[in-house]
């Protein structure tokens, strides 16, 4: 005769749909959220949630161009002199690269060309 053991409780290896992982990660990233509490509330081990958060940081944003693209700090400043002198060709954005080079991008510039130029300039130091 064969013996069968029935385990009660949650399955040992659960499969989490990507949408559910994203929801739990988003919940853990809310201001004031405590990772351990979010994990407990969703019946997920805290280490697993930390792993999902790490994976989410590695996924490039949908609008990212090229390798290594991601979110960067942005400072918006008003420079009336430049707008008055430049008119329609005034600089739409200035990108300060990590090596100190400032890339001034005119309005209407091709995004792909700007990304190529920024990548090329990023390798040059001052």
PDB file of N, CA and C in Angstrom:
ATOM      1  N   UNK A   1       0.840  -1.172   0.000  1.00  0.00           N
ATOM      2  CA  UNK A   1       0.000   0.000   0.000  1.00  0.00           C
ATOM      3  C   UNK A   1       0.892   1.244   0.000  1.00  0.00           C
ATOM      4  N   UNK A   2       0.494   2.303  -0.737  1.00  0.00           N
ATOM      5  CA  UNK A   2       1.258   3.532  -0.874  1.00  0.00           C
ATOM      6  C   UNK A   2       0.750   4.572   0.121  1.00  0.00           C
ATOM      7  N   UNK A   3       1.682   5.315   0.719  1.00  0.00           N
ATOM      8  CA  UNK A   3       1.325   6.369   1.659  1.00  0.00           C
ATOM      9  C   UNK A   3       1.385   7.717   0.949  1.00  0.00           C
ATOM     10  N   UNK A   4       0.375   8.541   1.136  1.00  0.00           N
ATOM     11  CA  UNK A   4       0.313   9.871   0.537  1.00  0.00           C
ATOM     12  C   UNK A   4       0.308  10.899   1.666  1.00  0.00           C
ATOM     13  N   UNK A   5       1.180  11.890   1.552  1.00  0.00           N
ATOM     14  CA  UNK A   5       1.231  12.955   2.549  1.00  0.00           C
ATOM     15  C   UNK A   5       0.612  14.206   1.950  1.00  0.00           C
ATOM     16  N   UNK A   6      -0.356  14.786   2.618  1.00  0.00           N
ATOM     17  CA  UNK A   6      -1.020  15.995   2.161  1.00  0.00           C
ATOM     18  C   UNK A   6      -0.523  17.151   3.012  1.00  0.00           C
ATOM     19  N   UNK A   7       0.052  18.145   2.354  1.00  0.00           N
ATOM     20  CA  UNK A   7       0.555  19.323   3.060  1.00  0.00           C
ATOM     21  C   UNK A   7      -0.499  20.413   3.002  1.00  0.00           C
ATOM     22  N   UNK A   8      -0.831  20.956   4.155  1.00  0.00           N
ATOM     23  CA  UNK A   8      -1.786  22.064   4.160  1.00  0.00           C
ATOM     24  C   UNK A   8      -1.004  23.378   4.231  1.00  0.00           C
ATOM     25  N   UNK A   9      -1.658  24.454   3.871  1.00  0.00           N
ATOM     26  CA  UNK A   9      -0.994  25.755   3.884  1.00  0.00           C
ATOM     27  C   UNK A   9      -0.566  26.152   2.487  1.00  0.00           C
ATOM     28  N   UNK A  10       0.131  27.273   2.401  1.00  0.00           N
ATOM     29  CA  UNK A  10       0.511  27.755   1.077  1.00  0.00           C
ATOM     30  C   UNK A  10       1.517  26.827   0.399  1.00  0.00           C
ATOM     31  N   UNK A  11       1.465  26.789  -0.921  1.00  0.00           N
ATOM     32  CA  UNK A  11       2.376  25.975  -1.706  1.00  0.00           C
ATOM     33  C   UNK A  11       3.800  26.475  -1.478  1.00  0.00           C
ATOM     34  N   UNK A  12       4.781  25.599  -1.516  1.00  0.00           N
ATOM     35  CA  UNK A  12       6.162  25.973  -1.239  1.00  0.00           C
ATOM     36  C   UNK A  12       6.697  26.966  -2.271  1.00  0.00           C
ATOM     37  N   UNK A  13       6.463  26.711  -3.522  1.00  0.00           N
ATOM     38  CA  UNK A  13       6.948  27.608  -4.573  1.00  0.00           C
ATOM     39  C   UNK A  13       5.766  28.178  -5.321  1.00  0.00           C
ATOM     40  N   UNK A  14       5.435  29.380  -4.983  1.00  0.00           N
ATOM     41  CA  UNK A  14       4.322  30.019  -5.669  1.00  0.00           C
ATOM     42  C   UNK A  14       4.825  30.725  -6.909  1.00  0.00           C
ATOM     43  N   UNK A  15       3.971  30.851  -7.880  1.00  0.00           N
ATOM     44  CA  UNK A  15       4.285  31.576  -9.106  1.00  0.00           C
ATOM     45  C   UNK A  15       3.569  32.916  -9.046  1.00  0.00           C
ATOM     46  N   UNK A  16       4.324  33.999  -9.171  1.00  0.00           N
ATOM     47  CA  UNK A  16       3.756  35.333  -9.091  1.00  0.00           C
ATOM     48  C   UNK A  16       3.663  35.921 -10.492  1.00  0.00           C
ATOM     49  N   UNK A  17       2.471  36.302 -10.941  1.00  0.00           N
ATOM     50  CA  UNK A  17       2.353  36.974 -12.244  1.00  0.00           C
ATOM     51  C   UNK A  17       3.077  38.324 -12.193  1.00  0.00           C
ATOM     52  N   UNK A  18       3.609  38.754 -13.324  1.00  0.00           N
ATOM     53  CA  UNK A  18       4.358  40.013 -13.393  1.00  0.00           C
ATOM     54  C   UNK A  18       3.511  41.189 -12.906  1.00  0.00           C
ATOM     55  N   UNK A  19       2.226  41.174 -13.219  1.00  0.00           N
ATOM     56  CA  UNK A  19       1.354  42.282 -12.799  1.00  0.00           C
ATOM     57  C   UNK A  19       1.233  42.336 -11.277  1.00  0.00           C
ATOM     58  N   UNK A  20       1.185  41.178 -10.640  1.00  0.00           N
ATOM     59  CA  UNK A  20       1.087  41.131  -9.179  1.00  0.00           C
ATOM     60  C   UNK A  20       2.400  41.590  -8.538  1.00  0.00           C
ATOM     61  N   UNK A  21       3.537  41.162  -9.111  1.00  0.00           N
ATOM     62  CA  UNK A  21       4.839  41.613  -8.613  1.00  0.00           C
ATOM     63  C   UNK A  21       4.931  43.136  -8.712  1.00  0.00           C
ATOM     64  N   UNK A  22       4.533  43.670  -9.872  1.00  0.00           N
ATOM     65  CA  UNK A  22       4.605  45.119 -10.093  1.00  0.00           C
ATOM     66  C   UNK A  22       3.732  45.863  -9.081  1.00  0.00           C
ATOM     67  N   UNK A  23       2.548  45.327  -8.807  1.00  0.00           N
ATOM     68  CA  UNK A  23       1.651  45.971  -7.844  1.00  0.00           C
ATOM     69  C   UNK A  23       2.273  45.992  -6.450  1.00  0.00           C
ATOM     70  N   UNK A  24       2.863  44.878  -6.029  1.00  0.00           N
ATOM     71  CA  UNK A  24       3.459  44.786  -4.694  1.00  0.00           C
ATOM     72  C   UNK A  24       4.692  45.688  -4.603  1.00  0.00           C
ATOM     73  N   UNK A  25       5.514  45.710  -5.649  1.00  0.00           N
ATOM     74  CA  UNK A  25       6.695  46.577  -5.660  1.00  0.00           C
ATOM     75  C   UNK A  25       6.264  48.034  -5.596  1.00  0.00           C
ATOM     76  N   UNK A  26       5.254  48.404  -6.391  1.00  0.00           N
ATOM     77  CA  UNK A  26       4.763  49.789  -6.377  1.00  0.00           C
ATOM     78  C   UNK A  26       4.251  50.160  -4.989  1.00  0.00           C
ATOM     79  N   UNK A  27       3.566  49.230  -4.350  1.00  0.00           N
ATOM     80  CA  UNK A  27       3.065  49.484  -2.997  1.00  0.00           C
ATOM     81  C   UNK A  27       4.226  49.707  -2.030  1.00  0.00           C
ATOM     82  N   UNK A  28       5.314  48.945  -2.199  1.00  0.00           N
ATOM     83  CA  UNK A  28       6.459  49.079  -1.297  1.00  0.00           C
ATOM     84  C   UNK A  28       7.250  50.360  -1.541  1.00  0.00           C
ATOM     85  N   UNK A  29       7.069  50.974  -2.708  1.00  0.00           N
ATOM     86  CA  UNK A  29       7.791  52.200  -3.039  1.00  0.00           C
ATOM     87  C   UNK A  29       7.025  53.468  -2.673  1.00  0.00           C
ATOM     88  N   UNK A  30       5.809  53.321  -2.164  1.00  0.00           N
ATOM     89  CA  UNK A  30       5.024  54.488  -1.767  1.00  0.00           C
ATOM     90  C   UNK A  30       5.705  55.196  -0.601  1.00  0.00           C
ATOM     91  N   UNK A  31       5.604  56.531  -0.542  1.00  0.00           N
ATOM     92  CA  UNK A  31       6.213  57.259   0.576  1.00  0.00           C
ATOM     93  C   UNK A  31       5.662  56.759   1.911  1.00  0.00           C
ATOM     94  N   UNK A  32       6.563  56.474   2.828  1.00  0.00           N
ATOM     95  CA  UNK A  32       6.178  56.023   4.156  1.00  0.00           C
ATOM     96  C   UNK A  32       5.935  54.520   4.265  1.00  0.00           C
ATOM     97  N   UNK A  33       6.000  53.800   3.144  1.00  0.00           N
ATOM     98  CA  UNK A  33       5.774  52.352   3.182  1.00  0.00           C
ATOM     99  C   UNK A  33       6.969  51.654   3.828  1.00  0.00           C
ATOM    100  N   UNK A  34       6.692  50.616   4.594  1.00  0.00           N
ATOM    101  CA  UNK A  34       7.727  49.810   5.228  1.00  0.00           C
ATOM    102  C   UNK A  34       7.734  48.462   4.519  1.00  0.00           C
ATOM    103  N   UNK A  35       8.885  48.098   3.949  1.00  0.00           N
ATOM    104  CA  UNK A  35       8.992  46.894   3.124  1.00  0.00           C
ATOM    105  C   UNK A  35       8.525  45.654   3.875  1.00  0.00           C
ATOM    106  N   UNK A  36       8.919  45.514   5.125  1.00  0.00           N
ATOM    107  CA  UNK A  36       8.539  44.316   5.876  1.00  0.00           C
ATOM    108  C   UNK A  36       7.023  44.228   6.055  1.00  0.00           C
ATOM    109  N   UNK A  37       6.370  45.376   6.268  1.00  0.00           N
ATOM    110  CA  UNK A  37       4.910  45.368   6.432  1.00  0.00           C
ATOM    111  C   UNK A  37       4.204  45.047   5.118  1.00  0.00           C
ATOM    112  N   UNK A  38       4.705  45.615   4.012  1.00  0.00           N
ATOM    113  CA  UNK A  38       4.116  45.331   2.701  1.00  0.00           C
ATOM    114  C   UNK A  38       4.277  43.852   2.381  1.00  0.00           C
ATOM    115  N   UNK A  39       5.452  43.294   2.673  1.00  0.00           N
ATOM    116  CA  UNK A  39       5.695  41.871   2.428  1.00  0.00           C
ATOM    117  C   UNK A  39       4.747  41.004   3.255  1.00  0.00           C
ATOM    118  N   UNK A  40       4.603  41.320   4.520  1.00  0.00           N
ATOM    119  CA  UNK A  40       3.731  40.541   5.404  1.00  0.00           C
ATOM    120  C   UNK A  40       2.277  40.617   4.939  1.00  0.00           C
ATOM    121  N   UNK A  41       1.843  41.815   4.561  1.00  0.00           N
ATOM    122  CA  UNK A  41       0.456  42.020   4.128  1.00  0.00           C
ATOM    123  C   UNK A  41       0.145  41.222   2.851  1.00  0.00           C
ATOM    124  N   UNK A  42       1.154  41.050   1.989  1.00  0.00           N
ATOM    125  CA  UNK A  42       0.948  40.346   0.729  1.00  0.00           C
ATOM    126  C   UNK A  42       1.422  38.899   0.767  1.00  0.00           C
ATOM    127  N   UNK A  43       1.791  38.410   1.954  1.00  0.00           N
ATOM    128  CA  UNK A  43       2.241  37.038   2.154  1.00  0.00           C
ATOM    129  C   UNK A  43       3.430  36.700   1.253  1.00  0.00           C
ATOM    130  N   UNK A  44       4.419  37.615   1.254  1.00  0.00           N
ATOM    131  CA  UNK A  44       5.653  37.457   0.476  1.00  0.00           C
ATOM    132  C   UNK A  44       6.816  37.579   1.457  1.00  0.00           C
ATOM    133  N   UNK A  45       7.851  36.789   1.265  1.00  0.00           N
ATOM    134  CA  UNK A  45       9.018  36.919   2.124  1.00  0.00           C
ATOM    135  C   UNK A  45       9.699  38.248   1.804  1.00  0.00           C
ATOM    136  N   UNK A  46      10.180  38.913   2.849  1.00  0.00           N
ATOM    137  CA  UNK A  46      10.794  40.235   2.699  1.00  0.00           C
ATOM    138  C   UNK A  46      11.971  40.217   1.722  1.00  0.00           C
ATOM    139  N   UNK A  47      12.794  39.167   1.766  1.00  0.00           N
ATOM    140  CA  UNK A  47      13.938  39.072   0.855  1.00  0.00           C
ATOM    141  C   UNK A  47      13.485  38.969  -0.604  1.00  0.00           C
ATOM    142  N   UNK A  48      12.389  38.271  -0.841  1.00  0.00           N
ATOM    143  CA  UNK A  48      11.862  38.152  -2.199  1.00  0.00           C
ATOM    144  C   UNK A  48      11.413  39.521  -2.705  1.00  0.00           C
ATOM    145  N   UNK A  49      10.750  40.287  -1.852  1.00  0.00           N
ATOM    146  CA  UNK A  49      10.306  41.624  -2.234  1.00  0.00           C
ATOM    147  C   UNK A  49      11.503  42.528  -2.526  1.00  0.00           C
ATOM    148  N   UNK A  50      12.553  42.434  -1.723  1.00  0.00           N
ATOM    149  CA  UNK A  50      13.763  43.222  -1.991  1.00  0.00           C
ATOM    150  C   UNK A  50      14.355  42.834  -3.353  1.00  0.00           C
ATOM    151  N   UNK A  51      14.327  41.556  -3.686  1.00  0.00           N
ATOM    152  CA  UNK A  51      14.811  41.102  -4.993  1.00  0.00           C
ATOM    153  C   UNK A  51      13.983  41.675  -6.133  1.00  0.00           C
ATOM    154  N   UNK A  52      12.674  41.683  -5.964  1.00  0.00           N
ATOM    155  CA  UNK A  52      11.797  42.258  -7.000  1.00  0.00           C
ATOM    156  C   UNK A  52      12.079  43.744  -7.167  1.00  0.00           C
ATOM    157  N   UNK A  53      12.311  44.434  -6.064  1.00  0.00           N
ATOM    158  CA  UNK A  53      12.605  45.870  -6.138  1.00  0.00           C
ATOM    159  C   UNK A  53      13.918  46.111  -6.880  1.00  0.00           C
ATOM    160  N   UNK A  54      14.916  45.260  -6.619  1.00  0.00           N
ATOM    161  CA  UNK A  54      16.205  45.359  -7.314  1.00  0.00           C
ATOM    162  C   UNK A  54      16.010  45.144  -8.818  1.00  0.00           C
ATOM    163  N   UNK A  55      15.220  44.134  -9.177  1.00  0.00           N
ATOM    164  CA  UNK A  55      14.934  43.861 -10.587  1.00  0.00           C
ATOM    165  C   UNK A  55      14.221  45.039 -11.239  1.00  0.00           C
ATOM    166  N   UNK A  56      13.307  45.653 -10.522  1.00  0.00           N
ATOM    167  CA  UNK A  56      12.552  46.782 -11.072  1.00  0.00           C
ATOM    168  C   UNK A  56      13.469  47.969 -11.343  1.00  0.00           C
ATOM    169  N   UNK A  57      14.483  48.164 -10.512  1.00  0.00           N
ATOM    170  CA  UNK A  57      15.428  49.266 -10.733  1.00  0.00           C
ATOM    171  C   UNK A  57      16.287  49.024 -11.967  1.00  0.00           C
ATOM    172  N   UNK A  58      16.504  47.770 -12.335  1.00  0.00           N
ATOM    173  CA  UNK A  58      17.366  47.440 -13.467  1.00  0.00           C
ATOM    174  C   UNK A  58      16.648  47.537 -14.802  1.00  0.00           C
ATOM    175  N   UNK A  59      15.324  47.548 -14.792  1.00  0.00           N
ATOM    176  CA  UNK A  59      14.556  47.624 -16.034  1.00  0.00           C
ATOM    177  C   UNK A  59      14.557  49.068 -16.511  1.00  0.00           C
ATOM    178  N   UNK A  60      14.992  49.325 -17.771  1.00  0.00           N
ATOM    179  CA  UNK A  60      15.008  50.706 -18.251  1.00  0.00           C
ATOM    180  C   UNK A  60      13.603  51.257 -18.403  1.00  0.00           C
ATOM    181  N   UNK A  61      13.480  52.566 -18.231  1.00  0.00           N
ATOM    182  CA  UNK A  61      12.183  53.203 -18.399  1.00  0.00           C
ATOM    183  C   UNK A  61      11.775  53.134 -19.868  1.00  0.00           C
ATOM    184  N   UNK A  62      10.461  53.131 -20.180  1.00  0.00           N
ATOM    185  CA  UNK A  62      10.007  52.993 -21.553  1.00  0.00           C
ATOM    186  C   UNK A  62      10.567  54.051 -22.500  1.00  0.00           C
ATOM    187  N   UNK A  63      10.851  55.259 -22.024  1.00  0.00           N
ATOM    188  CA  UNK A  63      11.350  56.314 -22.892  1.00  0.00           C
ATOM    189  C   UNK A  63      12.873  56.367 -22.965  1.00  0.00           C
ATOM    190  N   UNK A  64      13.562  55.417 -22.335  1.00  0.00           N
ATOM    191  CA  UNK A  64      15.020  55.456 -22.300  1.00  0.00           C
ATOM    192  C   UNK A  64      15.602  55.174 -23.681  1.00  0.00           C
ATOM    193  N   UNK A  65      16.627  55.933 -24.030  1.00  0.00           N
ATOM    194  CA  UNK A  65      17.299  55.759 -25.306  1.00  0.00           C
ATOM    195  C   UNK A  65      18.703  55.269 -25.041  1.00  0.00           C
ATOM    196  N   UNK A  66      19.092  54.168 -25.651  1.00  0.00           N
ATOM    197  CA  UNK A  66      20.454  53.671 -25.526  1.00  0.00           C
ATOM    198  C   UNK A  66      20.704  52.965 -24.213  1.00  0.00           C
ATOM    199  N   UNK A  67      21.917  52.437 -24.083  1.00  0.00           N
ATOM    200  CA  UNK A  67      22.292  51.720 -22.859  1.00  0.00           C
ATOM    201  C   UNK A  67      22.621  52.688 -21.745  1.00  0.00           C
ATOM    202  N   UNK A  68      22.308  52.328 -20.544  1.00  0.00           N
ATOM    203  CA  UNK A  68      22.646  53.140 -19.390  1.00  0.00           C
ATOM    204  C   UNK A  68      21.715  54.325 -19.173  1.00  0.00           C
ATOM    205  N   UNK A  69      20.665  54.406 -19.956  1.00  0.00           N
ATOM    206  CA  UNK A  69      19.735  55.523 -19.789  1.00  0.00           C
ATOM    207  C   UNK A  69      18.869  55.280 -18.566  1.00  0.00           C
ATOM    208  N   UNK A  70      18.406  56.335 -17.954  1.00  0.00           N
ATOM    209  CA  UNK A  70      17.561  56.203 -16.777  1.00  0.00           C
ATOM    210  C   UNK A  70      17.144  57.578 -16.301  1.00  0.00           C
ATOM    211  N   UNK A  71      16.678  57.647 -15.087  1.00  0.00           N
ATOM    212  CA  UNK A  71      16.247  58.915 -14.533  1.00  0.00           C
ATOM    213  C   UNK A  71      17.460  59.696 -14.035  1.00  0.00           C
ATOM    214  N   UNK A  72      17.443  60.996 -14.248  1.00  0.00           N
ATOM    215  CA  UNK A  72      18.497  61.874 -13.765  1.00  0.00           C
ATOM    216  C   UNK A  72      17.850  63.094 -13.126  1.00  0.00           C
ATOM    217  N   UNK A  73      18.545  63.751 -12.203  1.00  0.00           N
ATOM    218  CA  UNK A  73      17.975  64.962 -11.620  1.00  0.00           C
ATOM    219  C   UNK A  73      17.803  66.036 -12.696  1.00  0.00           C
ATOM    220  N   UNK A  74      16.740  66.787 -12.592  1.00  0.00           N
ATOM    221  CA  UNK A  74      16.447  67.824 -13.575  1.00  0.00           C
ATOM    222  C   UNK A  74      16.217  69.133 -12.850  1.00  0.00           C
ATOM    223  N   UNK A  75      16.895  70.175 -13.312  1.00  0.00           N
ATOM    224  CA  UNK A  75      16.715  71.497 -12.730  1.00  0.00           C
ATOM    225  C   UNK A  75      16.184  72.402 -13.833  1.00  0.00           C
ATOM    226  N   UNK A  76      15.037  73.003 -13.623  1.00  0.00           N
ATOM    227  CA  UNK A  76      14.431  73.882 -14.612  1.00  0.00           C
ATOM    228  C   UNK A  76      14.752  75.311 -14.216  1.00  0.00           C
ATOM    229  N   UNK A  77      15.359  76.034 -15.153  1.00  0.00           N
ATOM    230  CA  UNK A  77      15.729  77.421 -14.890  1.00  0.00           C
ATOM    231  C   UNK A  77      15.224  78.296 -16.025  1.00  0.00           C
ATOM    232  N   UNK A  78      14.937  79.533 -15.718  1.00  0.00           N
ATOM    233  CA  UNK A  78      14.472  80.479 -16.717  1.00  0.00           C
ATOM    234  C   UNK A  78      15.626  81.404 -17.076  1.00  0.00           C
ATOM    235  N   UNK A  79      15.979  81.451 -18.343  1.00  0.00           N
ATOM    236  CA  UNK A  79      17.033  82.341 -18.808  1.00  0.00           C
ATOM    237  C   UNK A  79      16.456  83.203 -19.918  1.00  0.00           C
ATOM    238  N   UNK A  80      15.926  84.361 -19.544  1.00  0.00           N
ATOM    239  CA  UNK A  80      15.245  85.235 -20.503  1.00  0.00           C
ATOM    240  C   UNK A  80      16.201  85.791 -21.543  1.00  0.00           C
ATOM    241  N   UNK A  81      17.494  86.023 -21.175  1.00  0.00           N
ATOM    242  CA  UNK A  81      18.465  86.548 -22.137  1.00  0.00           C
ATOM    243  C   UNK A  81      18.615  85.599 -23.318  1.00  0.00           C
ATOM    244  N   UNK A  82      18.771  84.309 -23.031  1.00  0.00           N
ATOM    245  CA  UNK A  82      18.983  83.329 -24.090  1.00  0.00           C
ATOM    246  C   UNK A  82      17.763  83.222 -24.985  1.00  0.00           C
ATOM    247  N   UNK A  83      16.576  83.234 -24.410  1.00  0.00           N
ATOM    248  CA  UNK A  83      15.349  83.143 -25.200  1.00  0.00           C
ATOM    249  C   UNK A  83      15.198  84.372 -26.088  1.00  0.00           C
ATOM    250  N   UNK A  84      15.559  85.553 -25.541  1.00  0.00           N
ATOM    251  CA  UNK A  84      15.446  86.787 -26.326  1.00  0.00           C
ATOM    252  C   UNK A  84      16.452  86.802 -27.466  1.00  0.00           C
ATOM    253  N   UNK A  85      17.667  86.309 -27.228  1.00  0.00           N
ATOM    254  CA  UNK A  85      18.701  86.303 -28.264  1.00  0.00           C
ATOM    255  C   UNK A  85      18.465  85.195 -29.276  1.00  0.00           C
ATOM    256  N   UNK A  86      17.983  84.043 -28.817  1.00  0.00           N
ATOM    257  CA  UNK A  86      17.871  82.893 -29.694  1.00  0.00           C
ATOM    258  C   UNK A  86      16.555  82.796 -30.434  1.00  0.00           C
ATOM    259  N   UNK A  87      15.520  83.402 -29.927  1.00  0.00           N
ATOM    260  CA  UNK A  87      14.214  83.308 -30.575  1.00  0.00           C
ATOM    261  C   UNK A  87      13.771  81.867 -30.695  1.00  0.00           C
ATOM    262  N   UNK A  88      13.393  81.446 -31.905  1.00  0.00           N
ATOM    263  CA  UNK A  88      12.868  80.093 -32.141  1.00  0.00           C
ATOM    264  C   UNK A  88      13.941  79.030 -31.992  1.00  0.00           C
ATOM    265  N   UNK A  89      15.234  79.431 -32.158  1.00  0.00           N
ATOM    266  CA  UNK A  89      16.305  78.444 -32.066  1.00  0.00           C
ATOM    267  C   UNK A  89      16.912  78.387 -30.675  1.00  0.00           C
ATOM    268  N   UNK A  90      16.229  78.937 -29.694  1.00  0.00           N
ATOM    269  CA  UNK A  90      16.748  78.938 -28.323  1.00  0.00           C
ATOM    270  C   UNK A  90      16.929  77.513 -27.831  1.00  0.00           C
ATOM    271  N   UNK A  91      17.872  77.346 -26.928  1.00  0.00           N
ATOM    272  CA  UNK A  91      18.123  76.035 -26.356  1.00  0.00           C
ATOM    273  C   UNK A  91      16.886  75.548 -25.618  1.00  0.00           C
ATOM    274  N   UNK A  92      16.442  74.347 -25.953  1.00  0.00           N
ATOM    275  CA  UNK A  92      15.281  73.772 -25.289  1.00  0.00           C
ATOM    276  C   UNK A  92      15.696  73.098 -23.988  1.00  0.00           C
ATOM    277  N   UNK A  93      16.918  72.542 -23.980  1.00  0.00           N
ATOM    278  CA  UNK A  93      17.380  71.819 -22.792  1.00  0.00           C
ATOM    279  C   UNK A  93      18.901  71.839 -22.751  1.00  0.00           C
ATOM    280  N   UNK A  94      19.450  71.855 -21.558  1.00  0.00           N
ATOM    281  CA  UNK A  94      20.887  71.729 -21.351  1.00  0.00           C
ATOM    282  C   UNK A  94      21.130  70.451 -20.577  1.00  0.00           C
ATOM    283  N   UNK A  95      22.077  69.642 -21.049  1.00  0.00           N
ATOM    284  CA  UNK A  95      22.408  68.387 -20.383  1.00  0.00           C
ATOM    285  C   UNK A  95      23.830  68.513 -19.857  1.00  0.00           C
ATOM    286  N   UNK A  96      23.994  68.457 -18.534  1.00  0.00           N
ATOM    287  CA  UNK A  96      25.327  68.501 -17.924  1.00  0.00           C
ATOM    288  C   UNK A  96      25.795  67.062 -17.750  1.00  0.00           C
ATOM    289  N   UNK A  97      26.806  66.682 -18.512  1.00  0.00           N
ATOM    290  CA  UNK A  97      27.342  65.325 -18.431  1.00  0.00           C
ATOM    291  C   UNK A  97      28.228  65.197 -17.203  1.00  0.00           C
ATOM    292  N   UNK A  98      28.455  63.996 -16.759  1.00  0.00           N
ATOM    293  CA  UNK A  98      29.228  63.744 -15.548  1.00  0.00           C
ATOM    294  C   UNK A  98      30.653  64.257 -15.613  1.00  0.00           C
ATOM    295  N   UNK A  99      31.200  64.435 -16.816  1.00  0.00           N
ATOM    296  CA  UNK A  99      32.582  64.882 -16.958  1.00  0.00           C
ATOM    297  C   UNK A  99      32.703  66.398 -17.044  1.00  0.00           C
ATOM    298  N   UNK A 100      31.597  67.122 -16.803  1.00  0.00           N
ATOM    299  CA  UNK A 100      31.628  68.575 -16.802  1.00  0.00           C
ATOM    300  C   UNK A 100      31.212  69.216 -18.120  1.00  0.00           C
ATOM    301  N   UNK A 101      31.071  68.454 -19.177  1.00  0.00           N
ATOM    302  CA  UNK A 101      30.666  68.991 -20.473  1.00  0.00           C
ATOM    303  C   UNK A 101      29.171  69.287 -20.435  1.00  0.00           C
ATOM    304  N   UNK A 102      28.780  70.442 -20.975  1.00  0.00           N
ATOM    305  CA  UNK A 102      27.373  70.826 -21.046  1.00  0.00           C
ATOM    306  C   UNK A 102      26.931  70.735 -22.503  1.00  0.00           C
ATOM    307  N   UNK A 103      25.913  69.953 -22.752  1.00  0.00           N
ATOM    308  CA  UNK A 103      25.370  69.764 -24.093  1.00  0.00           C
ATOM    309  C   UNK A 103      24.093  70.581 -24.187  1.00  0.00           C
ATOM    310  N   UNK A 104      24.066  71.580 -25.082  1.00  0.00           N
ATOM    311  CA  UNK A 104      22.887  72.422 -25.277  1.00  0.00           C
ATOM    312  C   UNK A 104      22.134  71.892 -26.491  1.00  0.00           C
ATOM    313  N   UNK A 105      20.915  71.453 -26.260  1.00  0.00           N
ATOM    314  CA  UNK A 105      20.114  70.810 -27.301  1.00  0.00           C
ATOM    315  C   UNK A 105      19.034  71.775 -27.777  1.00  0.00           C
ATOM    316  N   UNK A 106      19.046  72.130 -29.077  1.00  0.00           N
ATOM    317  CA  UNK A 106      18.013  73.029 -29.587  1.00  0.00           C
ATOM    318  C   UNK A 106      16.668  72.316 -29.703  1.00  0.00           C
ATOM    319  N   UNK A 107      15.619  73.098 -29.662  1.00  0.00           N
ATOM    320  CA  UNK A 107      14.278  72.546 -29.810  1.00  0.00           C
ATOM    321  C   UNK A 107      14.163  71.880 -31.177  1.00  0.00           C
ATOM    322  N   UNK A 108      13.568  70.697 -31.228  1.00  0.00           N
ATOM    323  CA  UNK A 108      13.358  69.986 -32.485  1.00  0.00           C
ATOM    324  C   UNK A 108      14.517  69.095 -32.893  1.00  0.00           C
ATOM    325  N   UNK A 109      15.551  68.997 -32.076  1.00  0.00           N
ATOM    326  CA  UNK A 109      16.694  68.134 -32.410  1.00  0.00           C
ATOM    327  C   UNK A 109      16.263  66.673 -32.388  1.00  0.00           C
ATOM    328  N   UNK A 110      16.854  65.878 -33.274  1.00  0.00           N
ATOM    329  CA  UNK A 110      16.539  64.446 -33.351  1.00  0.00           C
ATOM    330  C   UNK A 110      17.055  63.747 -32.093  1.00  0.00           C
ATOM    331  N   UNK A 111      16.187  63.033 -31.420  1.00  0.00           N
ATOM    332  CA  UNK A 111      16.529  62.389 -30.153  1.00  0.00           C
ATOM    333  C   UNK A 111      17.674  61.392 -30.318  1.00  0.00           C
ATOM    334  N   UNK A 112      17.637  60.617 -31.392  1.00  0.00           N
ATOM    335  CA  UNK A 112      18.689  59.625 -31.625  1.00  0.00           C
ATOM    336  C   UNK A 112      20.057  60.269 -31.788  1.00  0.00           C
ATOM    337  N   UNK A 113      20.114  61.385 -32.513  1.00  0.00           N
ATOM    338  CA  UNK A 113      21.384  62.089 -32.729  1.00  0.00           C
ATOM    339  C   UNK A 113      21.895  62.679 -31.419  1.00  0.00           C
ATOM    340  N   UNK A 114      20.998  63.225 -30.619  1.00  0.00           N
ATOM    341  CA  UNK A 114      21.392  63.800 -29.332  1.00  0.00           C
ATOM    342  C   UNK A 114      21.939  62.705 -28.424  1.00  0.00           C
ATOM    343  N   UNK A 115      21.286  61.532 -28.425  1.00  0.00           N
ATOM    344  CA  UNK A 115      21.746  60.414 -27.598  1.00  0.00           C
ATOM    345  C   UNK A 115      23.131  59.949 -28.044  1.00  0.00           C
ATOM    346  N   UNK A 116      23.374  59.883 -29.360  1.00  0.00           N
ATOM    347  CA  UNK A 116      24.686  59.497 -29.881  1.00  0.00           C
ATOM    348  C   UNK A 116      25.750  60.505 -29.461  1.00  0.00           C
ATOM    349  N   UNK A 117      25.426  61.780 -29.578  1.00  0.00           N
ATOM    350  CA  UNK A 117      26.364  62.832 -29.210  1.00  0.00           C
ATOM    351  C   UNK A 117      26.676  62.795 -27.716  1.00  0.00           C
ATOM    352  N   UNK A 118      25.654  62.626 -26.894  1.00  0.00           N
ATOM    353  CA  UNK A 118      25.853  62.565 -25.443  1.00  0.00           C
ATOM    354  C   UNK A 118      26.727  61.364 -25.073  1.00  0.00           C
ATOM    355  N   UNK A 119      26.488  60.234 -25.709  1.00  0.00           N
ATOM    356  CA  UNK A 119      27.294  59.031 -25.442  1.00  0.00           C
ATOM    357  C   UNK A 119      28.741  59.270 -25.835  1.00  0.00           C
ATOM    358  N   UNK A 120      28.954  59.891 -27.003  1.00  0.00           N
ATOM    359  CA  UNK A 120      30.305  60.160 -27.464  1.00  0.00           C
ATOM    360  C   UNK A 120      31.034  61.136 -26.539  1.00  0.00           C
ATOM    361  N   UNK A 121      30.327  62.180 -26.113  1.00  0.00           N
ATOM    362  CA  UNK A 121      30.946  63.195 -25.255  1.00  0.00           C
ATOM    363  C   UNK A 121      31.170  62.701 -23.828  1.00  0.00           C
ATOM    364  N   UNK A 122      30.343  61.753 -23.376  1.00  0.00           N
ATOM    365  CA  UNK A 122      30.452  61.268 -22.002  1.00  0.00           C
ATOM    366  C   UNK A 122      31.808  60.607 -21.755  1.00  0.00           C
ATOM    367  N   UNK A 123      32.421  60.051 -22.797  1.00  0.00           N
ATOM    368  CA  UNK A 123      33.706  59.373 -22.647  1.00  0.00           C
ATOM    369  C   UNK A 123      34.895  60.327 -22.622  1.00  0.00           C
ATOM    370  N   UNK A 124      34.689  61.585 -22.929  1.00  0.00           N
ATOM    371  CA  UNK A 124      35.769  62.569 -22.966  1.00  0.00           C
ATOM    372  C   UNK A 124      35.804  63.374 -21.683  1.00  0.00           C
ATOM    373  N   UNK A 125      36.942  63.480 -21.055  1.00  0.00           N
ATOM    374  CA  UNK A 125      37.069  64.266 -19.831  1.00  0.00           C
ATOM    375  C   UNK A 125      37.582  65.659 -20.131  1.00  0.00           C
ATOM    376  N   UNK A 126      37.478  66.501 -19.158  1.00  0.00           N
ATOM    377  CA  UNK A 126      37.998  67.876 -19.309  1.00  0.00           C
ATOM    378  C   UNK A 126      39.347  67.996 -18.715  1.00  0.00           C
TER     379      UNK A 126
END
